[in-house]
């Protein structure tokens, strides 16, 4: 019986250490995910404010030049590919932001609705 009590005591001590480590690791994990969330949101803003408009302008300019014969089909195709890659980068940044937001909510044990509340 004494051996059983000692074994239970050891198990309790182990569990206490694990809980203490978890309490320390949650803030560290939350900070790491928060940093990734901030970066993803920064990329979303960059794409939305600068990169997407620039890619659309380039595509429109190349298309206009193609229609009057100043650009080849290959140049128009390249501009379309660049626009598409920019659009995909924007969508990836949006997805990354949503993923990191979900991870942060899971780590912190919270859930935020779409309206931010």
PDB file of N, CA and C in Angstrom:
ATOM      1  N   UNK A   1       0.832  -1.194   0.000  1.00  0.00           N
ATOM      2  CA  UNK A   1       0.000   0.000   0.000  1.00  0.00           C
ATOM      3  C   UNK A   1       0.875   1.255   0.000  1.00  0.00           C
ATOM      4  N   UNK A   2       1.989   1.212   0.720  1.00  0.00           N
ATOM      5  CA  UNK A   2       2.871   2.366   0.776  1.00  0.00           C
ATOM      6  C   UNK A   2       3.458   2.661  -0.599  1.00  0.00           C
ATOM      7  N   UNK A   3       3.791   1.609  -1.324  1.00  0.00           N
ATOM      8  CA  UNK A   3       4.316   1.776  -2.680  1.00  0.00           C
ATOM      9  C   UNK A   3       3.271   2.442  -3.582  1.00  0.00           C
ATOM     10  N   UNK A   4       2.023   2.046  -3.438  1.00  0.00           N
ATOM     11  CA  UNK A   4       0.937   2.601  -4.241  1.00  0.00           C
ATOM     12  C   UNK A   4       0.761   4.090  -3.939  1.00  0.00           C
ATOM     13  N   UNK A   5       0.818   4.487  -2.678  1.00  0.00           N
ATOM     14  CA  UNK A   5       0.688   5.888  -2.276  1.00  0.00           C
ATOM     15  C   UNK A   5       1.856   6.698  -2.833  1.00  0.00           C
ATOM     16  N   UNK A   6       3.043   6.154  -2.757  1.00  0.00           N
ATOM     17  CA  UNK A   6       4.221   6.851  -3.289  1.00  0.00           C
ATOM     18  C   UNK A   6       4.090   7.028  -4.801  1.00  0.00           C
ATOM     19  N   UNK A   7       3.584   6.007  -5.466  1.00  0.00           N
ATOM     20  CA  UNK A   7       3.395   6.092  -6.919  1.00  0.00           C
ATOM     21  C   UNK A   7       2.356   7.157  -7.268  1.00  0.00           C
ATOM     22  N   UNK A   8       1.266   7.207  -6.518  1.00  0.00           N
ATOM     23  CA  UNK A   8       0.247   8.240  -6.732  1.00  0.00           C
ATOM     24  C   UNK A   8       0.809   9.632  -6.474  1.00  0.00           C
ATOM     25  N   UNK A   9       1.607   9.760  -5.422  1.00  0.00           N
ATOM     26  CA  UNK A   9       2.230  11.045  -5.100  1.00  0.00           C
ATOM     27  C   UNK A   9       3.144  11.497  -6.233  1.00  0.00           C
ATOM     28  N   UNK A  10       3.889  10.567  -6.787  1.00  0.00           N
ATOM     29  CA  UNK A  10       4.787  10.880  -7.899  1.00  0.00           C
ATOM     30  C   UNK A  10       3.974  11.310  -9.133  1.00  0.00           C
ATOM     31  N   UNK A  11       2.874  10.631  -9.386  1.00  0.00           N
ATOM     32  CA  UNK A  11       2.009  10.992 -10.513  1.00  0.00           C
ATOM     33  C   UNK A  11       1.434  12.391 -10.324  1.00  0.00           C
ATOM     34  N   UNK A  12       1.003  12.702  -9.126  1.00  0.00           N
ATOM     35  CA  UNK A  12       0.469  14.036  -8.825  1.00  0.00           C
ATOM     36  C   UNK A  12       1.540  15.097  -9.043  1.00  0.00           C
ATOM     37  N   UNK A  13       2.742  14.849  -8.590  1.00  0.00           N
ATOM     38  CA  UNK A  13       3.839  15.799  -8.765  1.00  0.00           C
ATOM     39  C   UNK A  13       4.142  16.010 -10.256  1.00  0.00           C
ATOM     40  N   UNK A  14       4.132  14.933 -11.013  1.00  0.00           N
ATOM     41  CA  UNK A  14       4.369  15.023 -12.458  1.00  0.00           C
ATOM     42  C   UNK A  14       3.285  15.871 -13.120  1.00  0.00           C
ATOM     43  N   UNK A  15       2.045  15.636 -12.763  1.00  0.00           N
ATOM     44  CA  UNK A  15       0.937  16.407 -13.329  1.00  0.00           C
ATOM     45  C   UNK A  15       1.029  17.878 -12.946  1.00  0.00           C
ATOM     46  N   UNK A  16       1.447  18.173 -11.729  1.00  0.00           N
ATOM     47  CA  UNK A  16       1.625  19.561 -11.302  1.00  0.00           C
ATOM     48  C   UNK A  16       2.695  20.258 -12.143  1.00  0.00           C
ATOM     49  N   UNK A  17       3.788  19.544 -12.423  1.00  0.00           N
ATOM     50  CA  UNK A  17       4.853  20.118 -13.260  1.00  0.00           C
ATOM     51  C   UNK A  17       4.336  20.383 -14.672  1.00  0.00           C
ATOM     52  N   UNK A  18       3.556  19.448 -15.210  1.00  0.00           N
ATOM     53  CA  UNK A  18       3.013  19.621 -16.553  1.00  0.00           C
ATOM     54  C   UNK A  18       2.074  20.829 -16.624  1.00  0.00           C
ATOM     55  N   UNK A  19       1.236  20.995 -15.607  1.00  0.00           N
ATOM     56  CA  UNK A  19       0.330  22.147 -15.559  1.00  0.00           C
ATOM     57  C   UNK A  19       1.131  23.441 -15.485  1.00  0.00           C
ATOM     58  N   UNK A  20       2.172  23.459 -14.667  1.00  0.00           N
ATOM     59  CA  UNK A  20       3.018  24.650 -14.552  1.00  0.00           C
ATOM     60  C   UNK A  20       3.682  24.968 -15.895  1.00  0.00           C
ATOM     61  N   UNK A  21       4.159  23.946 -16.601  1.00  0.00           N
ATOM     62  CA  UNK A  21       4.775  24.158 -17.915  1.00  0.00           C
ATOM     63  C   UNK A  21       3.745  24.663 -18.916  1.00  0.00           C
ATOM     64  N   UNK A  22       2.538  24.115 -18.869  1.00  0.00           N
ATOM     65  CA  UNK A  22       1.482  24.565 -19.775  1.00  0.00           C
ATOM     66  C   UNK A  22       1.146  26.027 -19.543  1.00  0.00           C
ATOM     67  N   UNK A  23       1.124  26.438 -18.277  1.00  0.00           N
ATOM     68  CA  UNK A  23       0.837  27.836 -17.965  1.00  0.00           C
ATOM     69  C   UNK A  23       1.905  28.758 -18.546  1.00  0.00           C
ATOM     70  N   UNK A  24       3.139  28.290 -18.578  1.00  0.00           N
ATOM     71  CA  UNK A  24       4.226  29.089 -19.148  1.00  0.00           C
ATOM     72  C   UNK A  24       4.217  29.038 -20.670  1.00  0.00           C
ATOM     73  N   UNK A  25       3.844  27.909 -21.246  1.00  0.00           N
ATOM     74  CA  UNK A  25       3.925  27.763 -22.696  1.00  0.00           C
ATOM     75  C   UNK A  25       2.782  28.453 -23.429  1.00  0.00           C
ATOM     76  N   UNK A  26       1.626  28.637 -22.781  1.00  0.00           N
ATOM     77  CA  UNK A  26       0.502  29.292 -23.438  1.00  0.00           C
ATOM     78  C   UNK A  26       0.851  30.722 -23.850  1.00  0.00           C
ATOM     79  N   UNK A  27       1.398  31.560 -22.960  1.00  0.00           N
ATOM     80  CA  UNK A  27       1.746  32.917 -23.404  1.00  0.00           C
ATOM     81  C   UNK A  27       2.795  32.928 -24.518  1.00  0.00           C
ATOM     82  N   UNK A  28       3.749  32.038 -24.448  1.00  0.00           N
ATOM     83  CA  UNK A  28       4.786  31.985 -25.484  1.00  0.00           C
ATOM     84  C   UNK A  28       4.167  31.597 -26.824  1.00  0.00           C
ATOM     85  N   UNK A  29       3.324  30.577 -26.813  1.00  0.00           N
ATOM     86  CA  UNK A  29       2.659  30.149 -28.040  1.00  0.00           C
ATOM     87  C   UNK A  29       1.744  31.246 -28.567  1.00  0.00           C
ATOM     88  N   UNK A  30       1.018  31.899 -27.678  1.00  0.00           N
ATOM     89  CA  UNK A  30       0.115  32.979 -28.091  1.00  0.00           C
ATOM     90  C   UNK A  30       0.894  34.123 -28.725  1.00  0.00           C
ATOM     91  N   UNK A  31       2.031  34.468 -28.149  1.00  0.00           N
ATOM     92  CA  UNK A  31       2.841  35.553 -28.714  1.00  0.00           C
ATOM     93  C   UNK A  31       3.360  35.184 -30.095  1.00  0.00           C
ATOM     94  N   UNK A  32       3.792  33.941 -30.277  1.00  0.00           N
ATOM     95  CA  UNK A  32       4.304  33.512 -31.580  1.00  0.00           C
ATOM     96  C   UNK A  32       3.203  33.559 -32.635  1.00  0.00           C
ATOM     97  N   UNK A  33       2.028  33.069 -32.284  1.00  0.00           N
ATOM     98  CA  UNK A  33       0.908  33.088 -33.237  1.00  0.00           C
ATOM     99  C   UNK A  33       0.464  34.521 -33.489  1.00  0.00           C
ATOM    100  N   UNK A  34       0.454  35.347 -32.440  1.00  0.00           N
ATOM    101  CA  UNK A  34       0.078  36.750 -32.615  1.00  0.00           C
ATOM    102  C   UNK A  34       1.019  37.455 -33.594  1.00  0.00           C
ATOM    103  N   UNK A  35       2.316  37.171 -33.487  1.00  0.00           N
ATOM    104  CA  UNK A  35       3.279  37.766 -34.419  1.00  0.00           C
ATOM    105  C   UNK A  35       2.968  37.358 -35.855  1.00  0.00           C
ATOM    106  N   UNK A  36       2.629  36.089 -36.054  1.00  0.00           N
ATOM    107  CA  UNK A  36       2.273  35.613 -37.396  1.00  0.00           C
ATOM    108  C   UNK A  36       0.977  36.259 -37.878  1.00  0.00           C
ATOM    109  N   UNK A  37       0.028  36.458 -36.969  1.00  0.00           N
ATOM    110  CA  UNK A  37      -1.231  37.113 -37.311  1.00  0.00           C
ATOM    111  C   UNK A  37      -0.980  38.557 -37.735  1.00  0.00           C
ATOM    112  N   UNK A  38      -0.170  39.262 -36.989  1.00  0.00           N
ATOM    113  CA  UNK A  38       0.162  40.654 -37.322  1.00  0.00           C
ATOM    114  C   UNK A  38       0.836  40.721 -38.693  1.00  0.00           C
ATOM    115  N   UNK A  39       1.753  39.791 -38.967  1.00  0.00           N
ATOM    116  CA  UNK A  39       2.431  39.768 -40.259  1.00  0.00           C
ATOM    117  C   UNK A  39       1.438  39.477 -41.388  1.00  0.00           C
ATOM    118  N   UNK A  40       0.545  38.528 -41.192  1.00  0.00           N
ATOM    119  CA  UNK A  40      -0.431  38.191 -42.227  1.00  0.00           C
ATOM    120  C   UNK A  40      -1.351  39.380 -42.502  1.00  0.00           C
ATOM    121  N   UNK A  41      -1.786  40.051 -41.458  1.00  0.00           N
ATOM    122  CA  UNK A  41      -2.644  41.234 -41.646  1.00  0.00           C
ATOM    123  C   UNK A  41      -1.894  42.353 -42.356  1.00  0.00           C
ATOM    124  N   UNK A  42      -0.603  42.486 -42.051  1.00  0.00           N
ATOM    125  CA  UNK A  42       0.213  43.493 -42.742  1.00  0.00           C
ATOM    126  C   UNK A  42       0.291  43.180 -44.225  1.00  0.00           C
ATOM    127  N   UNK A  43       0.478  41.882 -44.550  1.00  0.00           N
ATOM    128  CA  UNK A  43       0.529  41.484 -45.956  1.00  0.00           C
ATOM    129  C   UNK A  43      -0.804  41.720 -46.658  1.00  0.00           C
ATOM    130  N   UNK A  44      -1.909  41.474 -45.967  1.00  0.00           N
ATOM    131  CA  UNK A  44      -3.235  41.736 -46.553  1.00  0.00           C
ATOM    132  C   UNK A  44      -3.353  43.213 -46.905  1.00  0.00           C
ATOM    133  N   UNK A  45      -2.971  44.080 -45.959  1.00  0.00           N
ATOM    134  CA  UNK A  45      -3.043  45.527 -46.221  1.00  0.00           C
ATOM    135  C   UNK A  45      -2.142  45.936 -47.386  1.00  0.00           C
ATOM    136  N   UNK A  46      -0.941  45.371 -47.442  1.00  0.00           N
ATOM    137  CA  UNK A  46      -0.005  45.692 -48.519  1.00  0.00           C
ATOM    138  C   UNK A  46      -0.572  45.281 -49.878  1.00  0.00           C
ATOM    139  N   UNK A  47      -1.088  44.063 -49.949  1.00  0.00           N
ATOM    140  CA  UNK A  47      -1.681  43.612 -51.208  1.00  0.00           C
ATOM    141  C   UNK A  47      -2.849  44.503 -51.609  1.00  0.00           C
ATOM    142  N   UNK A  48      -3.715  44.796 -50.644  1.00  0.00           N
ATOM    143  CA  UNK A  48      -4.927  45.555 -50.934  1.00  0.00           C
ATOM    144  C   UNK A  48      -4.621  47.000 -51.335  1.00  0.00           C
ATOM    145  N   UNK A  49      -3.692  47.616 -50.649  1.00  0.00           N
ATOM    146  CA  UNK A  49      -3.394  49.032 -50.881  1.00  0.00           C
ATOM    147  C   UNK A  49      -2.458  49.281 -52.055  1.00  0.00           C
ATOM    148  N   UNK A  50      -1.503  48.368 -52.293  1.00  0.00           N
ATOM    149  CA  UNK A  50      -0.482  48.658 -53.293  1.00  0.00           C
ATOM    150  C   UNK A  50      -0.368  47.615 -54.387  1.00  0.00           C
ATOM    151  N   UNK A  51      -0.181  46.364 -54.002  1.00  0.00           N
ATOM    152  CA  UNK A  51       0.174  45.351 -54.992  1.00  0.00           C
ATOM    153  C   UNK A  51      -0.965  45.006 -55.949  1.00  0.00           C
ATOM    154  N   UNK A  52      -2.184  44.830 -55.426  1.00  0.00           N
ATOM    155  CA  UNK A  52      -3.311  44.516 -56.309  1.00  0.00           C
ATOM    156  C   UNK A  52      -3.635  45.662 -57.267  1.00  0.00           C
ATOM    157  N   UNK A  53      -3.747  46.899 -56.779  1.00  0.00           N
ATOM    158  CA  UNK A  53      -4.013  47.991 -57.726  1.00  0.00           C
ATOM    159  C   UNK A  53      -2.925  48.120 -58.798  1.00  0.00           C
ATOM    160  N   UNK A  54      -1.688  47.938 -58.400  1.00  0.00           N
ATOM    161  CA  UNK A  54      -0.589  48.029 -59.364  1.00  0.00           C
ATOM    162  C   UNK A  54      -0.679  46.912 -60.408  1.00  0.00           C
ATOM    163  N   UNK A  55      -0.986  45.706 -59.961  1.00  0.00           N
ATOM    164  CA  UNK A  55      -1.112  44.582 -60.895  1.00  0.00           C
ATOM    165  C   UNK A  55      -2.289  44.791 -61.854  1.00  0.00           C
ATOM    166  N   UNK A  56      -3.396  45.318 -61.326  1.00  0.00           N
ATOM    167  CA  UNK A  56      -4.557  45.598 -62.195  1.00  0.00           C
ATOM    168  C   UNK A  56      -4.220  46.672 -63.216  1.00  0.00           C
ATOM    169  N   UNK A  57      -3.514  47.713 -62.795  1.00  0.00           N
ATOM    170  CA  UNK A  57      -3.120  48.783 -63.717  1.00  0.00           C
ATOM    171  C   UNK A  57      -2.206  48.257 -64.814  1.00  0.00           C
ATOM    172  N   UNK A  58      -1.251  47.427 -64.414  1.00  0.00           N
ATOM    173  CA  UNK A  58      -0.327  46.859 -65.405  1.00  0.00           C
ATOM    174  C   UNK A  58      -1.082  46.004 -66.416  1.00  0.00           C
ATOM    175  N   UNK A  59      -1.980  45.159 -65.930  1.00  0.00           N
ATOM    176  CA  UNK A  59      -2.755  44.315 -66.825  1.00  0.00           C
ATOM    177  C   UNK A  59      -3.599  45.164 -67.763  1.00  0.00           C
ATOM    178  N   UNK A  60      -4.250  46.201 -67.240  1.00  0.00           N
ATOM    179  CA  UNK A  60      -5.075  47.074 -68.076  1.00  0.00           C
ATOM    180  C   UNK A  60      -4.225  47.791 -69.124  1.00  0.00           C
ATOM    181  N   UNK A  61      -3.044  48.251 -68.742  1.00  0.00           N
ATOM    182  CA  UNK A  61      -2.166  48.953 -69.689  1.00  0.00           C
ATOM    183  C   UNK A  61      -1.675  48.015 -70.786  1.00  0.00           C
ATOM    184  N   UNK A  62      -1.260  46.816 -70.402  1.00  0.00           N
ATOM    185  CA  UNK A  62      -0.773  45.851 -71.386  1.00  0.00           C
ATOM    186  C   UNK A  62      -1.919  45.426 -72.303  1.00  0.00           C
ATOM    187  N   UNK A  63      -3.112  45.246 -71.735  1.00  0.00           N
ATOM    188  CA  UNK A  63      -4.271  44.866 -72.546  1.00  0.00           C
ATOM    189  C   UNK A  63      -4.623  45.967 -73.543  1.00  0.00           C
ATOM    190  N   UNK A  64      -4.590  47.227 -73.091  1.00  0.00           N
ATOM    191  CA  UNK A  64      -4.868  48.345 -73.995  1.00  0.00           C
ATOM    192  C   UNK A  64      -3.832  48.395 -75.114  1.00  0.00           C
ATOM    193  N   UNK A  65      -2.563  48.212 -74.787  1.00  0.00           N
ATOM    194  CA  UNK A  65      -1.514  48.193 -75.809  1.00  0.00           C
ATOM    195  C   UNK A  65      -1.676  47.003 -76.751  1.00  0.00           C
ATOM    196  N   UNK A  66      -2.107  45.876 -76.230  1.00  0.00           N
ATOM    197  CA  UNK A  66      -2.334  44.687 -77.065  1.00  0.00           C
ATOM    198  C   UNK A  66      -3.457  44.959 -78.069  1.00  0.00           C
ATOM    199  N   UNK A  67      -4.499  45.631 -77.626  1.00  0.00           N
ATOM    200  CA  UNK A  67      -5.642  45.895 -78.502  1.00  0.00           C
ATOM    201  C   UNK A  67      -5.296  46.815 -79.659  1.00  0.00           C
ATOM    202  N   UNK A  68      -4.301  47.672 -79.487  1.00  0.00           N
ATOM    203  CA  UNK A  68      -3.890  48.560 -80.582  1.00  0.00           C
ATOM    204  C   UNK A  68      -2.639  48.060 -81.292  1.00  0.00           C
ATOM    205  N   UNK A  69      -2.178  46.873 -80.904  1.00  0.00           N
ATOM    206  CA  UNK A  69      -1.066  46.259 -81.613  1.00  0.00           C
ATOM    207  C   UNK A  69       0.317  46.593 -81.102  1.00  0.00           C
ATOM    208  N   UNK A  70       0.440  47.220 -79.948  1.00  0.00           N
ATOM    209  CA  UNK A  70       1.757  47.570 -79.411  1.00  0.00           C
ATOM    210  C   UNK A  70       2.353  46.488 -78.521  1.00  0.00           C
ATOM    211  N   UNK A  71       1.553  45.504 -78.116  1.00  0.00           N
ATOM    212  CA  UNK A  71       2.041  44.393 -77.305  1.00  0.00           C
ATOM    213  C   UNK A  71       1.624  43.077 -77.930  1.00  0.00           C
ATOM    214  N   UNK A  72       2.408  42.051 -77.665  1.00  0.00           N
ATOM    215  CA  UNK A  72       2.100  40.728 -78.200  1.00  0.00           C
ATOM    216  C   UNK A  72       1.187  39.970 -77.232  1.00  0.00           C
ATOM    217  N   UNK A  73       0.666  38.862 -77.737  1.00  0.00           N
ATOM    218  CA  UNK A  73      -0.151  37.988 -76.899  1.00  0.00           C
ATOM    219  C   UNK A  73       0.669  37.470 -75.718  1.00  0.00           C
ATOM    220  N   UNK A  74       1.930  37.171 -75.954  1.00  0.00           N
ATOM    221  CA  UNK A  74       2.793  36.664 -74.883  1.00  0.00           C
ATOM    222  C   UNK A  74       2.928  37.691 -73.758  1.00  0.00           C
ATOM    223  N   UNK A  75       3.061  38.964 -74.109  1.00  0.00           N
ATOM    224  CA  UNK A  75       3.166  40.006 -73.081  1.00  0.00           C
ATOM    225  C   UNK A  75       1.855  40.141 -72.305  1.00  0.00           C
ATOM    226  N   UNK A  76       0.737  40.035 -73.019  1.00  0.00           N
ATOM    227  CA  UNK A  76      -0.563  40.077 -72.353  1.00  0.00           C
ATOM    228  C   UNK A  76      -0.729  38.877 -71.429  1.00  0.00           C
ATOM    229  N   UNK A  77      -0.313  37.719 -71.892  1.00  0.00           N
ATOM    230  CA  UNK A  77      -0.389  36.511 -71.081  1.00  0.00           C
ATOM    231  C   UNK A  77       0.470  36.642 -69.827  1.00  0.00           C
ATOM    232  N   UNK A  78       1.682  37.170 -69.968  1.00  0.00           N
ATOM    233  CA  UNK A  78       2.576  37.380 -68.824  1.00  0.00           C
ATOM    234  C   UNK A  78       1.954  38.339 -67.808  1.00  0.00           C
ATOM    235  N   UNK A  79       1.363  39.429 -68.308  1.00  0.00           N
ATOM    236  CA  UNK A  79       0.722  40.395 -67.408  1.00  0.00           C
ATOM    237  C   UNK A  79      -0.466  39.744 -66.681  1.00  0.00           C
ATOM    238  N   UNK A  80      -1.204  38.897 -67.391  1.00  0.00           N
ATOM    239  CA  UNK A  80      -2.307  38.176 -66.758  1.00  0.00           C
ATOM    240  C   UNK A  80      -1.818  37.216 -65.693  1.00  0.00           C
ATOM    241  N   UNK A  81      -0.711  36.547 -65.976  1.00  0.00           N
ATOM    242  CA  UNK A  81      -0.132  35.636 -64.979  1.00  0.00           C
ATOM    243  C   UNK A  81       0.349  36.397 -63.754  1.00  0.00           C
ATOM    244  N   UNK A  82       0.971  37.540 -63.973  1.00  0.00           N
ATOM    245  CA  UNK A  82       1.446  38.344 -62.844  1.00  0.00           C
ATOM    246  C   UNK A  82       0.276  38.835 -62.000  1.00  0.00           C
ATOM    247  N   UNK A  83      -0.808  39.265 -62.663  1.00  0.00           N
ATOM    248  CA  UNK A  83      -1.991  39.698 -61.919  1.00  0.00           C
ATOM    249  C   UNK A  83      -2.549  38.532 -61.108  1.00  0.00           C
ATOM    250  N   UNK A  84      -2.634  37.366 -61.735  1.00  0.00           N
ATOM    251  CA  UNK A  84      -3.170  36.193 -61.052  1.00  0.00           C
ATOM    252  C   UNK A  84      -2.299  35.796 -59.857  1.00  0.00           C
ATOM    253  N   UNK A  85      -0.989  35.825 -60.025  1.00  0.00           N
ATOM    254  CA  UNK A  85      -0.084  35.509 -58.914  1.00  0.00           C
ATOM    255  C   UNK A  85      -0.249  36.509 -57.774  1.00  0.00           C
ATOM    256  N   UNK A  86      -0.459  37.773 -58.112  1.00  0.00           N
ATOM    257  CA  UNK A  86      -0.684  38.797 -57.084  1.00  0.00           C
ATOM    258  C   UNK A  86      -2.002  38.539 -56.371  1.00  0.00           C
ATOM    259  N   UNK A  87      -3.033  38.214 -57.131  1.00  0.00           N
ATOM    260  CA  UNK A  87      -4.340  37.899 -56.543  1.00  0.00           C
ATOM    261  C   UNK A  87      -4.239  36.679 -55.622  1.00  0.00           C
ATOM    262  N   UNK A  88      -3.508  35.667 -56.060  1.00  0.00           N
ATOM    263  CA  UNK A  88      -3.319  34.476 -55.232  1.00  0.00           C
ATOM    264  C   UNK A  88      -2.534  34.793 -53.960  1.00  0.00           C
ATOM    265  N   UNK A  89      -1.542  35.653 -54.066  1.00  0.00           N
ATOM    266  CA  UNK A  89      -0.798  36.079 -52.886  1.00  0.00           C
ATOM    267  C   UNK A  89      -1.686  36.792 -51.885  1.00  0.00           C
ATOM    268  N   UNK A  90      -2.583  37.617 -52.403  1.00  0.00           N
ATOM    269  CA  UNK A  90      -3.544  38.317 -51.549  1.00  0.00           C
ATOM    270  C   UNK A  90      -4.462  37.319 -50.848  1.00  0.00           C
ATOM    271  N   UNK A  91      -4.976  36.365 -51.600  1.00  0.00           N
ATOM    272  CA  UNK A  91      -5.861  35.339 -51.014  1.00  0.00           C
ATOM    273  C   UNK A  91      -5.106  34.489 -49.979  1.00  0.00           C
ATOM    274  N   UNK A  92      -3.840  34.207 -50.256  1.00  0.00           N
ATOM    275  CA  UNK A  92      -3.034  33.432 -49.301  1.00  0.00           C
ATOM    276  C   UNK A  92      -2.833  34.218 -48.006  1.00  0.00           C
ATOM    277  N   UNK A  93      -2.571  35.508 -48.141  1.00  0.00           N
ATOM    278  CA  UNK A  93      -2.399  36.352 -46.951  1.00  0.00           C
ATOM    279  C   UNK A  93      -3.697  36.409 -46.144  1.00  0.00           C
ATOM    280  N   UNK A  94      -4.839  36.501 -46.837  1.00  0.00           N
ATOM    281  CA  UNK A  94      -6.127  36.488 -46.138  1.00  0.00           C
ATOM    282  C   UNK A  94      -6.324  35.165 -45.398  1.00  0.00           C
ATOM    283  N   UNK A  95      -6.019  34.069 -46.072  1.00  0.00           N
ATOM    284  CA  UNK A  95      -6.170  32.752 -45.450  1.00  0.00           C
ATOM    285  C   UNK A  95      -5.232  32.616 -44.254  1.00  0.00           C
ATOM    286  N   UNK A  96      -3.991  33.067 -44.404  1.00  0.00           N
ATOM    287  CA  UNK A  96      -3.039  33.011 -43.289  1.00  0.00           C
ATOM    288  C   UNK A  96      -3.560  33.792 -42.089  1.00  0.00           C
ATOM    289  N   UNK A  97      -4.134  34.975 -42.350  1.00  0.00           N
ATOM    290  CA  UNK A  97      -4.666  35.789 -41.255  1.00  0.00           C
ATOM    291  C   UNK A  97      -5.813  35.065 -40.556  1.00  0.00           C
ATOM    292  N   UNK A  98      -6.679  34.456 -41.332  1.00  0.00           N
ATOM    293  CA  UNK A  98      -7.802  33.724 -40.718  1.00  0.00           C
ATOM    294  C   UNK A  98      -7.309  32.514 -39.930  1.00  0.00           C
ATOM    295  N   UNK A  99      -6.341  31.810 -40.474  1.00  0.00           N
ATOM    296  CA  UNK A  99      -5.787  30.637 -39.778  1.00  0.00           C
ATOM    297  C   UNK A  99      -5.138  31.057 -38.465  1.00  0.00           C
ATOM    298  N   UNK A 100      -4.319  32.100 -38.513  1.00  0.00           N
ATOM    299  CA  UNK A 100      -3.643  32.556 -37.292  1.00  0.00           C
ATOM    300  C   UNK A 100      -4.645  33.109 -36.279  1.00  0.00           C
ATOM    301  N   UNK A 101      -5.685  33.771 -36.749  1.00  0.00           N
ATOM    302  CA  UNK A 101      -6.719  34.266 -35.847  1.00  0.00           C
ATOM    303  C   UNK A 101      -7.398  33.098 -35.138  1.00  0.00           C
ATOM    304  N   UNK A 102      -7.692  32.040 -35.883  1.00  0.00           N
ATOM    305  CA  UNK A 102      -8.293  30.852 -35.289  1.00  0.00           C
ATOM    306  C   UNK A 102      -7.362  30.164 -34.305  1.00  0.00           C
ATOM    307  N   UNK A 103      -6.088  30.072 -34.664  1.00  0.00           N
ATOM    308  CA  UNK A 103      -5.118  29.449 -33.748  1.00  0.00           C
ATOM    309  C   UNK A 103      -4.984  30.243 -32.461  1.00  0.00           C
ATOM    310  N   UNK A 104      -4.934  31.565 -32.604  1.00  0.00           N
ATOM    311  CA  UNK A 104      -4.818  32.402 -31.415  1.00  0.00           C
ATOM    312  C   UNK A 104      -6.058  32.246 -30.534  1.00  0.00           C
ATOM    313  N   UNK A 105      -7.215  32.223 -31.142  1.00  0.00           N
ATOM    314  CA  UNK A 105      -8.450  32.030 -30.379  1.00  0.00           C
ATOM    315  C   UNK A 105      -8.451  30.678 -29.679  1.00  0.00           C
ATOM    316  N   UNK A 106      -7.971  29.645 -30.357  1.00  0.00           N
ATOM    317  CA  UNK A 106      -7.919  28.319 -29.749  1.00  0.00           C
ATOM    318  C   UNK A 106      -6.941  28.290 -28.574  1.00  0.00           C
ATOM    319  N   UNK A 107      -5.786  28.925 -28.738  1.00  0.00           N
ATOM    320  CA  UNK A 107      -4.792  28.958 -27.663  1.00  0.00           C
ATOM    321  C   UNK A 107      -5.336  29.698 -26.443  1.00  0.00           C
ATOM    322  N   UNK A 108      -5.996  30.809 -26.708  1.00  0.00           N
ATOM    323  CA  UNK A 108      -6.496  31.632 -25.607  1.00  0.00           C
ATOM    324  C   UNK A 108      -7.844  31.146 -25.087  1.00  0.00           C
ATOM    325  N   UNK A 109      -8.444  30.209 -25.820  1.00  0.00           N
ATOM    326  CA  UNK A 109      -9.733  29.688 -25.382  1.00  0.00           C
ATOM    327  C   UNK A 109     -10.879  30.636 -25.625  1.00  0.00           C
ATOM    328  N   UNK A 110     -10.767  31.422 -26.681  1.00  0.00           N
ATOM    329  CA  UNK A 110     -11.828  32.376 -26.997  1.00  0.00           C
ATOM    330  C   UNK A 110     -12.310  32.149 -28.416  1.00  0.00           C
ATOM    331  N   UNK A 111     -13.456  32.715 -28.707  1.00  0.00           N
ATOM    332  CA  UNK A 111     -14.002  32.647 -30.059  1.00  0.00           C
ATOM    333  C   UNK A 111     -14.564  34.016 -30.384  1.00  0.00           C
ATOM    334  N   UNK A 112     -14.129  34.568 -31.504  1.00  0.00           N
ATOM    335  CA  UNK A 112     -14.632  35.877 -31.922  1.00  0.00           C
ATOM    336  C   UNK A 112     -15.536  35.690 -33.137  1.00  0.00           C
ATOM    337  N   UNK A 113     -16.676  36.337 -33.085  1.00  0.00           N
ATOM    338  CA  UNK A 113     -17.593  36.279 -34.222  1.00  0.00           C
ATOM    339  C   UNK A 113     -17.066  37.174 -35.334  1.00  0.00           C
ATOM    340  N   UNK A 114     -17.693  37.074 -36.516  1.00  0.00           N
ATOM    341  CA  UNK A 114     -17.262  37.863 -37.663  1.00  0.00           C
ATOM    342  C   UNK A 114     -17.371  39.365 -37.410  1.00  0.00           C
ATOM    343  N   UNK A 115     -18.328  39.783 -36.566  1.00  0.00           N
ATOM    344  CA  UNK A 115     -18.486  41.203 -36.302  1.00  0.00           C
ATOM    345  C   UNK A 115     -17.468  41.743 -35.289  1.00  0.00           C
ATOM    346  N   UNK A 116     -16.552  40.860 -34.842  1.00  0.00           N
ATOM    347  CA  UNK A 116     -15.467  41.286 -33.966  1.00  0.00           C
ATOM    348  C   UNK A 116     -15.788  41.224 -32.486  1.00  0.00           C
ATOM    349  N   UNK A 117     -16.988  40.846 -32.139  1.00  0.00           N
ATOM    350  CA  UNK A 117     -17.387  40.759 -30.717  1.00  0.00           C
ATOM    351  C   UNK A 117     -17.207  39.376 -30.170  1.00  0.00           C
TER     352      UNK A 117
END
